[in-house]
Amino acid sequence: MDIVVRGKNRSVSARLDAIAREKVARIAKFTHDAGRVEVDFAEEQHQRVSESQRCEITVHLKRHFVKAHACAPEPEAALDLAVDKVGHQVARIKEKRVSRSHPRRRASSVTGVDGEPGDTGLEPDDDDDVDGSGRIVKTKRFAAKPMDPGEAALQMDLLGHDFFLFTNRQSGNAAVLYRRHDGQLGLIETSG
């Protein structure tokens, strides 16, 4: 793993460089494909002294990159906070990779969207499919009831899903209601 320690509008002492390299090297226990790690220290001009030192860490993985920053009164404290954030993100990526390549089956049946008992939708994975180009492992059919987008939003929240397929009562077209990254809702509707 290639570790680069830099200072933006400040110098990085040899002691801080050594501490940063030592702490960032611990990220390797969460992943084996970290190629390059960049650690940038900066001194911010804040009104609050408690956030004057900023540390930003960027980890370049094989198919992803993870970036986190933290502010603290001392650069070492900012480094600790940023390393914790990056470690958590890298561990989550590893967890997702493992769960995709080693799905577990549940012994009990799960109720599907249509109210009928069904399987969990998890099938054994023959190949190591961690690059995001997944394959369809389950197909589900249900009757899309005509409803207003407001009612669809309520149904989506009740089910705890991030999206909901329905027939828009106002237009008669198929529509998908989805939760955006900013927490708001979006609506995709077919035309014609």
N, C-alpha and C. Protein backbone atom coordinates (compact mmCIF):
# COMPACT_ATOMS: atom_id res chain seq x y z
N MET A 1 0.85 -1.17 0.00
CA MET A 1 0.00 0.00 0.00
C MET A 1 0.90 1.23 0.00
N ASP A 2 0.62 2.12 -0.95
CA ASP A 2 1.38 3.35 -1.10
C ASP A 2 0.70 4.45 -0.27
N ILE A 3 1.42 5.01 0.70
CA ILE A 3 0.86 6.04 1.57
C ILE A 3 1.54 7.36 1.28
N VAL A 4 0.75 8.38 0.97
CA VAL A 4 1.26 9.72 0.68
C VAL A 4 0.71 10.66 1.75
N VAL A 5 1.60 11.36 2.44
CA VAL A 5 1.21 12.32 3.47
C VAL A 5 1.62 13.70 2.99
N ARG A 6 0.63 14.62 2.93
CA ARG A 6 0.89 15.97 2.43
C ARG A 6 0.30 16.99 3.39
N GLY A 7 0.80 18.21 3.25
CA GLY A 7 0.25 19.32 4.00
C GLY A 7 -0.24 20.39 3.05
N LYS A 8 -1.44 20.87 3.28
CA LYS A 8 -1.99 21.97 2.48
C LYS A 8 -1.95 23.21 3.36
N ASN A 9 -1.30 24.23 2.92
CA ASN A 9 -1.07 25.49 3.63
C ASN A 9 -0.52 25.28 5.05
N ARG A 10 0.24 24.22 5.22
CA ARG A 10 0.95 23.96 6.47
C ARG A 10 2.02 22.90 6.20
N SER A 11 3.01 22.85 7.05
CA SER A 11 4.05 21.82 6.90
C SER A 11 3.70 20.62 7.76
N VAL A 12 4.17 19.46 7.34
CA VAL A 12 3.94 18.22 8.08
C VAL A 12 5.27 17.80 8.68
N SER A 13 5.31 17.73 10.01
CA SER A 13 6.55 17.34 10.68
C SER A 13 6.83 15.86 10.45
N ALA A 14 8.06 15.47 10.65
CA ALA A 14 8.45 14.07 10.48
C ALA A 14 7.70 13.19 11.47
N ARG A 15 7.46 13.70 12.67
CA ARG A 15 6.73 12.96 13.70
C ARG A 15 5.29 12.72 13.25
N LEU A 16 4.62 13.77 12.75
CA LEU A 16 3.25 13.63 12.29
C LEU A 16 3.17 12.71 11.07
N ASP A 17 4.16 12.78 10.19
CA ASP A 17 4.22 11.90 9.02
C ASP A 17 4.30 10.44 9.47
N ALA A 18 5.16 10.15 10.45
CA ALA A 18 5.33 8.78 10.93
C ALA A 18 4.05 8.27 11.61
N ILE A 19 3.40 9.13 12.41
CA ILE A 19 2.16 8.73 13.08
C ILE A 19 1.07 8.45 12.04
N ALA A 20 0.99 9.30 11.03
CA ALA A 20 -0.03 9.13 9.99
C ALA A 20 0.20 7.82 9.24
N ARG A 21 1.43 7.55 8.87
CA ARG A 21 1.73 6.30 8.15
C ARG A 21 1.40 5.08 9.00
N GLU A 22 1.71 5.14 10.28
CA GLU A 22 1.44 4.00 11.17
C GLU A 22 -0.06 3.76 11.32
N LYS A 23 -0.83 4.82 11.52
CA LYS A 23 -2.27 4.67 11.75
C LYS A 23 -3.00 4.29 10.46
N VAL A 24 -2.60 4.83 9.34
CA VAL A 24 -3.26 4.53 8.07
C VAL A 24 -2.94 3.10 7.63
N ALA A 25 -1.79 2.59 8.00
CA ALA A 25 -1.43 1.21 7.64
C ALA A 25 -2.39 0.20 8.26
N ARG A 26 -3.07 0.59 9.33
CA ARG A 26 -4.03 -0.31 9.98
C ARG A 26 -5.25 -0.57 9.10
N ILE A 27 -5.49 0.28 8.13
CA ILE A 27 -6.63 0.09 7.22
C ILE A 27 -6.47 -1.20 6.43
N ALA A 28 -5.24 -1.66 6.26
CA ALA A 28 -4.97 -2.87 5.49
C ALA A 28 -5.64 -4.10 6.11
N LYS A 29 -5.95 -4.05 7.41
CA LYS A 29 -6.60 -5.22 8.02
C LYS A 29 -8.05 -5.35 7.55
N PHE A 30 -8.65 -4.27 7.03
CA PHE A 30 -10.02 -4.33 6.54
C PHE A 30 -10.11 -4.71 5.07
N THR A 31 -9.05 -4.44 4.31
CA THR A 31 -9.10 -4.72 2.88
C THR A 31 -7.72 -5.11 2.38
N HIS A 32 -7.71 -5.88 1.32
CA HIS A 32 -6.44 -6.31 0.73
C HIS A 32 -6.15 -5.57 -0.57
N ASP A 33 -7.09 -4.77 -1.05
CA ASP A 33 -6.91 -4.15 -2.36
C ASP A 33 -6.72 -2.63 -2.30
N ALA A 34 -6.23 -2.12 -1.18
CA ALA A 34 -5.94 -0.68 -1.09
C ALA A 34 -4.61 -0.43 -1.81
N GLY A 35 -4.68 0.31 -2.89
CA GLY A 35 -3.47 0.58 -3.67
C GLY A 35 -2.75 1.82 -3.19
N ARG A 36 -3.48 2.90 -2.98
CA ARG A 36 -2.88 4.17 -2.61
C ARG A 36 -3.75 4.84 -1.55
N VAL A 37 -3.10 5.42 -0.56
CA VAL A 37 -3.79 6.16 0.48
C VAL A 37 -3.17 7.55 0.56
N GLU A 38 -4.01 8.57 0.45
CA GLU A 38 -3.54 9.95 0.52
C GLU A 38 -4.04 10.56 1.83
N VAL A 39 -3.13 11.14 2.59
CA VAL A 39 -3.47 11.81 3.85
C VAL A 39 -3.07 13.27 3.69
N ASP A 40 -4.07 14.15 3.77
CA ASP A 40 -3.83 15.59 3.62
C ASP A 40 -4.16 16.30 4.92
N PHE A 41 -3.20 17.05 5.43
CA PHE A 41 -3.40 17.88 6.61
C PHE A 41 -3.53 19.33 6.17
N ALA A 42 -4.45 20.05 6.80
CA ALA A 42 -4.63 21.46 6.48
C ALA A 42 -4.99 22.21 7.75
N GLU A 43 -4.62 23.47 7.77
CA GLU A 43 -4.99 24.32 8.88
C GLU A 43 -6.09 25.25 8.40
N GLU A 44 -7.27 25.09 8.98
CA GLU A 44 -8.44 25.86 8.58
C GLU A 44 -8.49 27.17 9.37
N GLN A 45 -9.03 28.17 8.75
CA GLN A 45 -9.21 29.47 9.41
C GLN A 45 -10.66 29.57 9.88
N HIS A 46 -10.96 28.89 10.98
CA HIS A 46 -12.31 28.90 11.55
C HIS A 46 -12.38 29.89 12.70
N GLN A 47 -13.58 30.30 13.01
CA GLN A 47 -13.77 31.14 14.18
C GLN A 47 -13.57 30.31 15.45
N ARG A 48 -13.93 29.02 15.36
CA ARG A 48 -13.74 28.14 16.52
C ARG A 48 -12.37 27.48 16.44
N VAL A 49 -11.61 27.61 17.48
CA VAL A 49 -10.27 27.00 17.52
C VAL A 49 -10.38 25.49 17.57
N SER A 50 -11.50 24.97 18.07
CA SER A 50 -11.65 23.52 18.23
C SER A 50 -11.70 22.77 16.90
N GLU A 51 -11.83 23.48 15.79
CA GLU A 51 -11.88 22.82 14.48
C GLU A 51 -10.83 23.37 13.52
N SER A 52 -9.70 23.80 14.03
CA SER A 52 -8.72 24.46 13.17
C SER A 52 -7.85 23.49 12.38
N GLN A 53 -7.66 22.26 12.86
CA GLN A 53 -6.82 21.29 12.17
C GLN A 53 -7.71 20.29 11.43
N ARG A 54 -7.47 20.13 10.14
CA ARG A 54 -8.28 19.25 9.31
C ARG A 54 -7.42 18.14 8.73
N CYS A 55 -7.95 16.94 8.75
CA CYS A 55 -7.27 15.79 8.15
C CYS A 55 -8.24 15.14 7.17
N GLU A 56 -7.77 14.95 5.95
CA GLU A 56 -8.60 14.31 4.92
C GLU A 56 -7.85 13.08 4.41
N ILE A 57 -8.54 11.95 4.40
CA ILE A 57 -7.92 10.69 3.97
C ILE A 57 -8.71 10.16 2.78
N THR A 58 -7.98 9.79 1.72
CA THR A 58 -8.58 9.18 0.54
C THR A 58 -7.91 7.83 0.31
N VAL A 59 -8.71 6.77 0.26
CA VAL A 59 -8.21 5.41 0.04
C VAL A 59 -8.68 4.97 -1.33
N HIS A 60 -7.74 4.63 -2.19
CA HIS A 60 -8.06 4.15 -3.53
C HIS A 60 -8.06 2.62 -3.50
N LEU A 61 -9.26 2.05 -3.59
CA LEU A 61 -9.41 0.60 -3.64
C LEU A 61 -9.46 0.16 -5.10
N LYS A 62 -9.59 -1.14 -5.32
CA LYS A 62 -9.58 -1.66 -6.68
C LYS A 62 -10.74 -1.10 -7.51
N ARG A 63 -11.96 -1.11 -6.96
CA ARG A 63 -13.12 -0.63 -7.71
C ARG A 63 -13.81 0.55 -7.07
N HIS A 64 -13.33 1.02 -5.95
CA HIS A 64 -13.95 2.12 -5.23
C HIS A 64 -12.87 3.07 -4.73
N PHE A 65 -13.30 4.20 -4.24
CA PHE A 65 -12.41 5.00 -3.42
C PHE A 65 -13.23 5.53 -2.27
N VAL A 66 -12.59 5.63 -1.13
CA VAL A 66 -13.24 6.04 0.11
C VAL A 66 -12.57 7.32 0.56
N LYS A 67 -13.39 8.28 0.96
CA LYS A 67 -12.85 9.58 1.36
C LYS A 67 -13.54 10.01 2.65
N ALA A 68 -12.75 10.50 3.61
CA ALA A 68 -13.31 11.01 4.86
C ALA A 68 -12.43 12.14 5.37
N HIS A 69 -13.04 13.04 6.11
CA HIS A 69 -12.28 14.13 6.71
C HIS A 69 -12.80 14.37 8.13
N ALA A 70 -11.96 14.99 8.93
CA ALA A 70 -12.34 15.32 10.30
C ALA A 70 -11.56 16.56 10.72
N CYS A 71 -12.15 17.33 11.62
CA CYS A 71 -11.53 18.52 12.16
C CYS A 71 -11.41 18.39 13.67
N ALA A 72 -10.32 18.90 14.21
CA ALA A 72 -10.06 18.84 15.65
C ALA A 72 -9.06 19.93 16.00
N PRO A 73 -8.82 20.17 17.30
CA PRO A 73 -7.85 21.20 17.68
C PRO A 73 -6.41 20.81 17.37
N GLU A 74 -6.11 19.52 17.35
CA GLU A 74 -4.76 19.02 17.07
C GLU A 74 -4.79 18.12 15.84
N PRO A 75 -3.74 18.12 15.03
CA PRO A 75 -3.73 17.29 13.83
C PRO A 75 -3.80 15.79 14.14
N GLU A 76 -3.22 15.37 15.26
CA GLU A 76 -3.26 13.95 15.63
C GLU A 76 -4.69 13.51 15.94
N ALA A 77 -5.44 14.37 16.62
CA ALA A 77 -6.84 14.05 16.95
C ALA A 77 -7.68 14.01 15.67
N ALA A 78 -7.45 14.93 14.76
CA ALA A 78 -8.16 14.92 13.48
C ALA A 78 -7.83 13.66 12.69
N LEU A 79 -6.56 13.24 12.75
CA LEU A 79 -6.13 12.01 12.08
C LEU A 79 -6.86 10.81 12.66
N ASP A 80 -6.95 10.73 13.98
CA ASP A 80 -7.65 9.61 14.62
C ASP A 80 -9.10 9.53 14.18
N LEU A 81 -9.78 10.67 14.17
CA LEU A 81 -11.18 10.70 13.78
C LEU A 81 -11.36 10.30 12.31
N ALA A 82 -10.49 10.80 11.45
CA ALA A 82 -10.58 10.48 10.02
C ALA A 82 -10.27 9.00 9.76
N VAL A 83 -9.29 8.45 10.47
CA VAL A 83 -8.95 7.03 10.31
C VAL A 83 -10.13 6.17 10.75
N ASP A 84 -10.80 6.55 11.84
CA ASP A 84 -11.98 5.80 12.29
C ASP A 84 -13.07 5.82 11.22
N LYS A 85 -13.32 6.97 10.63
CA LYS A 85 -14.35 7.09 9.60
C LYS A 85 -14.00 6.23 8.38
N VAL A 86 -12.76 6.33 7.93
CA VAL A 86 -12.34 5.56 6.75
C VAL A 86 -12.38 4.06 7.05
N GLY A 87 -11.93 3.68 8.24
CA GLY A 87 -11.96 2.27 8.62
C GLY A 87 -13.37 1.72 8.61
N HIS A 88 -14.32 2.53 9.10
CA HIS A 88 -15.71 2.11 9.10
C HIS A 88 -16.24 1.94 7.68
N GLN A 89 -15.92 2.88 6.78
CA GLN A 89 -16.39 2.81 5.40
C GLN A 89 -15.78 1.62 4.66
N VAL A 90 -14.49 1.40 4.86
CA VAL A 90 -13.82 0.27 4.20
C VAL A 90 -14.38 -1.05 4.73
N ALA A 91 -14.66 -1.12 6.03
CA ALA A 91 -15.25 -2.33 6.60
C ALA A 91 -16.64 -2.58 6.03
N ARG A 92 -17.42 -1.52 5.80
CA ARG A 92 -18.75 -1.67 5.20
C ARG A 92 -18.65 -2.20 3.78
N ILE A 93 -17.68 -1.70 3.02
CA ILE A 93 -17.50 -2.19 1.65
C ILE A 93 -17.12 -3.67 1.67
N LYS A 94 -16.24 -4.04 2.59
CA LYS A 94 -15.84 -5.45 2.71
C LYS A 94 -17.03 -6.31 3.10
N GLU A 95 -17.86 -5.81 4.02
CA GLU A 95 -19.04 -6.54 4.46
C GLU A 95 -20.01 -6.75 3.30
N LYS A 96 -20.19 -5.74 2.47
CA LYS A 96 -21.07 -5.87 1.31
C LYS A 96 -20.51 -6.90 0.34
N ARG A 97 -19.21 -6.88 0.13
CA ARG A 97 -18.60 -7.84 -0.79
C ARG A 97 -18.79 -9.26 -0.27
N VAL A 98 -18.58 -9.47 1.02
CA VAL A 98 -18.71 -10.80 1.59
C VAL A 98 -20.15 -11.26 1.52
N SER A 99 -21.10 -10.37 1.83
CA SER A 99 -22.51 -10.77 1.81
C SER A 99 -22.98 -11.07 0.40
N ARG A 100 -22.41 -10.42 -0.60
CA ARG A 100 -22.80 -10.71 -1.98
C ARG A 100 -22.24 -12.04 -2.44
N SER A 101 -21.06 -12.37 -2.01
CA SER A 101 -20.44 -13.59 -2.51
C SER A 101 -20.75 -14.81 -1.64
N HIS A 102 -21.28 -14.60 -0.44
CA HIS A 102 -21.61 -15.71 0.46
C HIS A 102 -23.00 -15.49 1.08
N PRO A 103 -24.05 -15.49 0.28
CA PRO A 103 -25.38 -15.28 0.85
C PRO A 103 -25.80 -16.47 1.70
N ARG A 104 -26.58 -16.19 2.72
CA ARG A 104 -27.08 -17.25 3.60
C ARG A 104 -28.55 -17.48 3.31
N ARG A 105 -28.95 -18.71 3.46
CA ARG A 105 -30.37 -19.03 3.33
C ARG A 105 -30.98 -19.06 4.72
N ARG A 106 -32.22 -18.60 4.80
CA ARG A 106 -32.94 -18.69 6.06
C ARG A 106 -33.79 -19.94 6.05
N ALA A 107 -33.93 -20.55 7.19
CA ALA A 107 -34.74 -21.77 7.28
C ALA A 107 -36.22 -21.46 7.22
N SER A 108 -36.63 -20.32 7.78
CA SER A 108 -38.06 -19.99 7.78
C SER A 108 -38.43 -19.26 6.49
N SER A 109 -39.69 -19.35 6.13
CA SER A 109 -40.14 -18.65 4.92
C SER A 109 -40.45 -17.21 5.26
N VAL A 110 -40.37 -16.36 4.27
CA VAL A 110 -40.60 -14.94 4.42
C VAL A 110 -41.81 -14.57 3.59
N THR A 111 -42.64 -13.69 4.09
CA THR A 111 -43.80 -13.25 3.33
C THR A 111 -43.37 -12.24 2.28
N GLY A 112 -43.77 -12.45 1.04
CA GLY A 112 -43.41 -11.56 -0.04
C GLY A 112 -44.32 -10.35 -0.08
N VAL A 113 -44.10 -9.48 -1.06
CA VAL A 113 -44.88 -8.26 -1.21
C VAL A 113 -46.35 -8.58 -1.47
N ASP A 114 -46.59 -9.69 -2.19
CA ASP A 114 -47.96 -10.03 -2.53
C ASP A 114 -48.69 -10.74 -1.41
N GLY A 115 -48.04 -10.93 -0.25
CA GLY A 115 -48.69 -11.53 0.90
C GLY A 115 -48.59 -13.03 0.95
N GLU A 116 -47.99 -13.65 -0.05
CA GLU A 116 -47.86 -15.10 -0.05
C GLU A 116 -46.48 -15.47 0.45
N PRO A 117 -46.38 -16.60 1.16
CA PRO A 117 -45.06 -17.01 1.62
C PRO A 117 -44.17 -17.31 0.43
N GLY A 118 -42.93 -16.94 0.57
CA GLY A 118 -41.99 -17.17 -0.52
C GLY A 118 -40.61 -17.44 0.04
N ASP A 119 -39.65 -17.64 -0.81
CA ASP A 119 -38.30 -17.85 -0.34
C ASP A 119 -37.64 -16.50 -0.11
N THR A 120 -36.44 -16.52 0.39
CA THR A 120 -35.75 -15.28 0.73
C THR A 120 -35.19 -14.59 -0.48
N GLY A 121 -35.10 -15.27 -1.60
CA GLY A 121 -34.54 -14.65 -2.80
C GLY A 121 -33.04 -14.80 -2.87
N LEU A 122 -32.46 -15.47 -1.89
CA LEU A 122 -31.01 -15.64 -1.89
C LEU A 122 -30.67 -17.00 -2.48
N GLU A 123 -29.86 -16.99 -3.45
CA GLU A 123 -29.43 -18.21 -4.11
C GLU A 123 -27.93 -18.35 -3.91
N PRO A 124 -27.41 -19.56 -3.90
CA PRO A 124 -25.97 -19.70 -3.80
C PRO A 124 -25.29 -19.05 -4.98
N ASP A 125 -24.18 -18.42 -4.73
CA ASP A 125 -23.46 -17.69 -5.76
C ASP A 125 -22.29 -18.54 -6.23
N ASP A 126 -22.27 -18.85 -7.52
CA ASP A 126 -21.22 -19.71 -8.06
C ASP A 126 -19.92 -18.98 -8.26
N ASP A 127 -20.00 -17.69 -8.62
CA ASP A 127 -18.77 -16.94 -8.88
C ASP A 127 -18.67 -15.78 -7.92
N ASP A 128 -17.52 -15.19 -7.85
CA ASP A 128 -17.25 -14.09 -6.94
C ASP A 128 -17.73 -12.80 -7.60
N ASP A 129 -18.99 -12.42 -7.38
CA ASP A 129 -19.62 -11.31 -8.08
C ASP A 129 -19.62 -10.07 -7.21
N VAL A 130 -18.45 -9.43 -7.07
CA VAL A 130 -18.35 -8.26 -6.21
C VAL A 130 -18.22 -6.96 -7.00
N ASP A 131 -18.24 -7.01 -8.31
CA ASP A 131 -18.04 -5.80 -9.09
C ASP A 131 -19.34 -5.05 -9.36
N GLY A 132 -20.45 -5.50 -8.81
CA GLY A 132 -21.69 -4.77 -8.98
C GLY A 132 -22.50 -5.20 -10.19
N SER A 133 -21.96 -6.05 -11.06
CA SER A 133 -22.72 -6.51 -12.22
C SER A 133 -23.44 -7.78 -11.81
N GLY A 134 -24.45 -7.62 -10.95
CA GLY A 134 -25.17 -8.75 -10.39
C GLY A 134 -26.04 -9.45 -11.41
N ARG A 135 -26.57 -10.56 -11.00
CA ARG A 135 -27.48 -11.30 -11.85
C ARG A 135 -28.81 -11.41 -11.13
N ILE A 136 -29.84 -11.66 -11.85
CA ILE A 136 -31.17 -11.76 -11.27
C ILE A 136 -31.27 -13.10 -10.56
N VAL A 137 -31.57 -13.06 -9.26
CA VAL A 137 -31.67 -14.28 -8.48
C VAL A 137 -33.10 -14.56 -8.05
N LYS A 138 -34.00 -13.60 -8.26
CA LYS A 138 -35.40 -13.82 -7.89
C LYS A 138 -36.28 -12.93 -8.75
N THR A 139 -37.41 -13.47 -9.13
CA THR A 139 -38.41 -12.72 -9.87
C THR A 139 -39.69 -12.74 -9.04
N LYS A 140 -40.32 -11.58 -8.91
CA LYS A 140 -41.53 -11.49 -8.11
C LYS A 140 -42.62 -10.84 -8.96
N ARG A 141 -43.82 -11.37 -8.90
CA ARG A 141 -44.96 -10.82 -9.63
C ARG A 141 -46.04 -10.45 -8.63
N PHE A 142 -46.66 -9.30 -8.85
CA PHE A 142 -47.77 -8.89 -8.01
C PHE A 142 -48.64 -7.92 -8.80
N ALA A 143 -49.85 -7.76 -8.35
CA ALA A 143 -50.77 -6.84 -9.01
C ALA A 143 -50.51 -5.43 -8.50
N ALA A 144 -50.19 -4.52 -9.43
CA ALA A 144 -49.93 -3.13 -9.06
C ALA A 144 -51.28 -2.41 -9.00
N LYS A 145 -51.71 -2.07 -7.79
CA LYS A 145 -53.01 -1.43 -7.60
C LYS A 145 -52.95 0.03 -8.04
N PRO A 146 -54.02 0.53 -8.62
CA PRO A 146 -54.07 1.97 -8.92
C PRO A 146 -54.14 2.77 -7.62
N MET A 147 -53.28 3.75 -7.47
CA MET A 147 -53.26 4.60 -6.28
C MET A 147 -52.59 5.92 -6.61
N ASP A 148 -52.80 6.89 -5.73
CA ASP A 148 -52.15 8.18 -5.88
C ASP A 148 -50.72 8.10 -5.39
N PRO A 149 -49.81 8.99 -5.86
CA PRO A 149 -48.42 8.97 -5.37
C PRO A 149 -48.32 9.14 -3.85
N GLY A 150 -49.22 9.90 -3.24
CA GLY A 150 -49.20 10.05 -1.79
C GLY A 150 -49.47 8.74 -1.07
N GLU A 151 -50.43 7.97 -1.59
CA GLU A 151 -50.74 6.67 -1.00
C GLU A 151 -49.58 5.70 -1.23
N ALA A 152 -48.95 5.80 -2.39
CA ALA A 152 -47.78 4.95 -2.67
C ALA A 152 -46.63 5.27 -1.71
N ALA A 153 -46.45 6.54 -1.39
CA ALA A 153 -45.41 6.92 -0.44
C ALA A 153 -45.69 6.33 0.93
N LEU A 154 -46.95 6.34 1.34
CA LEU A 154 -47.32 5.75 2.61
C LEU A 154 -47.06 4.25 2.61
N GLN A 155 -47.43 3.56 1.54
CA GLN A 155 -47.19 2.12 1.43
C GLN A 155 -45.70 1.81 1.46
N MET A 156 -44.90 2.62 0.76
CA MET A 156 -43.45 2.42 0.73
C MET A 156 -42.87 2.54 2.13
N ASP A 157 -43.33 3.56 2.88
CA ASP A 157 -42.83 3.73 4.25
C ASP A 157 -43.27 2.59 5.15
N LEU A 158 -44.51 2.13 4.98
CA LEU A 158 -45.00 1.03 5.81
C LEU A 158 -44.21 -0.26 5.56
N LEU A 159 -43.83 -0.48 4.29
CA LEU A 159 -43.05 -1.67 3.96
C LEU A 159 -41.58 -1.53 4.32
N GLY A 160 -41.12 -0.29 4.47
CA GLY A 160 -39.71 -0.06 4.78
C GLY A 160 -38.80 -0.19 3.57
N HIS A 161 -39.35 -0.01 2.39
CA HIS A 161 -38.55 -0.13 1.16
C HIS A 161 -38.04 1.23 0.72
N ASP A 162 -37.08 1.23 -0.20
CA ASP A 162 -36.56 2.46 -0.79
C ASP A 162 -37.24 2.79 -2.10
N PHE A 163 -38.08 1.89 -2.61
CA PHE A 163 -38.82 2.14 -3.83
C PHE A 163 -40.15 1.41 -3.77
N PHE A 164 -41.09 1.82 -4.62
CA PHE A 164 -42.40 1.19 -4.65
C PHE A 164 -42.97 1.31 -6.06
N LEU A 165 -43.38 0.18 -6.64
CA LEU A 165 -43.96 0.13 -7.97
C LEU A 165 -45.48 0.14 -7.84
N PHE A 166 -46.15 1.01 -8.61
CA PHE A 166 -47.61 1.09 -8.55
C PHE A 166 -48.13 1.63 -9.87
N THR A 167 -49.46 1.57 -10.04
CA THR A 167 -50.12 2.18 -11.18
C THR A 167 -50.68 3.51 -10.71
N ASN A 168 -50.27 4.59 -11.36
CA ASN A 168 -50.72 5.92 -10.97
C ASN A 168 -52.19 6.08 -11.35
N ARG A 169 -53.03 6.32 -10.36
CA ARG A 169 -54.46 6.45 -10.58
C ARG A 169 -54.77 7.65 -11.47
N GLN A 170 -53.97 8.70 -11.37
CA GLN A 170 -54.24 9.93 -12.12
C GLN A 170 -53.98 9.76 -13.61
N SER A 171 -52.91 9.03 -13.96
CA SER A 171 -52.56 8.89 -15.37
C SER A 171 -52.81 7.50 -15.93
N GLY A 172 -52.93 6.49 -15.06
CA GLY A 172 -53.13 5.11 -15.52
C GLY A 172 -51.84 4.43 -15.95
N ASN A 173 -50.70 5.09 -15.79
CA ASN A 173 -49.41 4.54 -16.20
C ASN A 173 -48.68 3.89 -15.03
N ALA A 174 -47.77 2.98 -15.36
CA ALA A 174 -46.92 2.38 -14.33
C ALA A 174 -45.95 3.44 -13.82
N ALA A 175 -45.70 3.42 -12.52
CA ALA A 175 -44.82 4.42 -11.91
C ALA A 175 -44.01 3.78 -10.80
N VAL A 176 -42.84 4.35 -10.55
CA VAL A 176 -41.97 3.92 -9.45
C VAL A 176 -41.70 5.14 -8.58
N LEU A 177 -41.97 4.99 -7.30
CA LEU A 177 -41.66 6.02 -6.32
C LEU A 177 -40.40 5.55 -5.61
N TYR A 178 -39.40 6.42 -5.45
CA TYR A 178 -38.14 6.02 -4.84
C TYR A 178 -37.63 7.09 -3.90
N ARG A 179 -36.82 6.66 -2.93
CA ARG A 179 -36.22 7.58 -1.97
C ARG A 179 -34.86 8.00 -2.50
N ARG A 180 -34.67 9.31 -2.62
CA ARG A 180 -33.40 9.87 -3.12
C ARG A 180 -32.37 9.91 -2.01
N HIS A 181 -31.11 10.14 -2.38
CA HIS A 181 -30.03 10.21 -1.40
C HIS A 181 -30.23 11.35 -0.42
N ASP A 182 -30.91 12.42 -0.83
CA ASP A 182 -31.12 13.55 0.06
C ASP A 182 -32.33 13.35 0.98
N GLY A 183 -32.99 12.18 0.92
CA GLY A 183 -34.12 11.88 1.78
C GLY A 183 -35.47 12.22 1.16
N GLN A 184 -35.48 12.99 0.09
CA GLN A 184 -36.72 13.34 -0.59
C GLN A 184 -37.18 12.16 -1.44
N LEU A 185 -38.37 12.27 -2.02
CA LEU A 185 -38.90 11.21 -2.87
C LEU A 185 -38.84 11.63 -4.33
N GLY A 186 -38.64 10.66 -5.20
CA GLY A 186 -38.66 10.87 -6.65
C GLY A 186 -39.70 9.97 -7.27
N LEU A 187 -40.21 10.36 -8.43
CA LEU A 187 -41.23 9.59 -9.13
C LEU A 187 -40.79 9.39 -10.57
N ILE A 188 -40.78 8.13 -11.00
CA ILE A 188 -40.50 7.78 -12.40
C ILE A 188 -41.78 7.18 -12.94
N GLU A 189 -42.22 7.70 -14.07
CA GLU A 189 -43.49 7.24 -14.62
C GLU A 189 -43.33 6.98 -16.11
N THR A 190 -43.98 5.89 -16.57
CA THR A 190 -43.95 5.60 -18.01
C THR A 190 -44.88 6.56 -18.73
N SER A 191 -44.61 6.79 -19.99
CA SER A 191 -45.48 7.67 -20.76
C SER A 191 -46.20 6.86 -21.82
N GLY A 192 -47.38 7.35 -22.18
CA GLY A 192 -48.09 6.80 -23.30
C GLY A 192 -48.90 5.63 -23.02
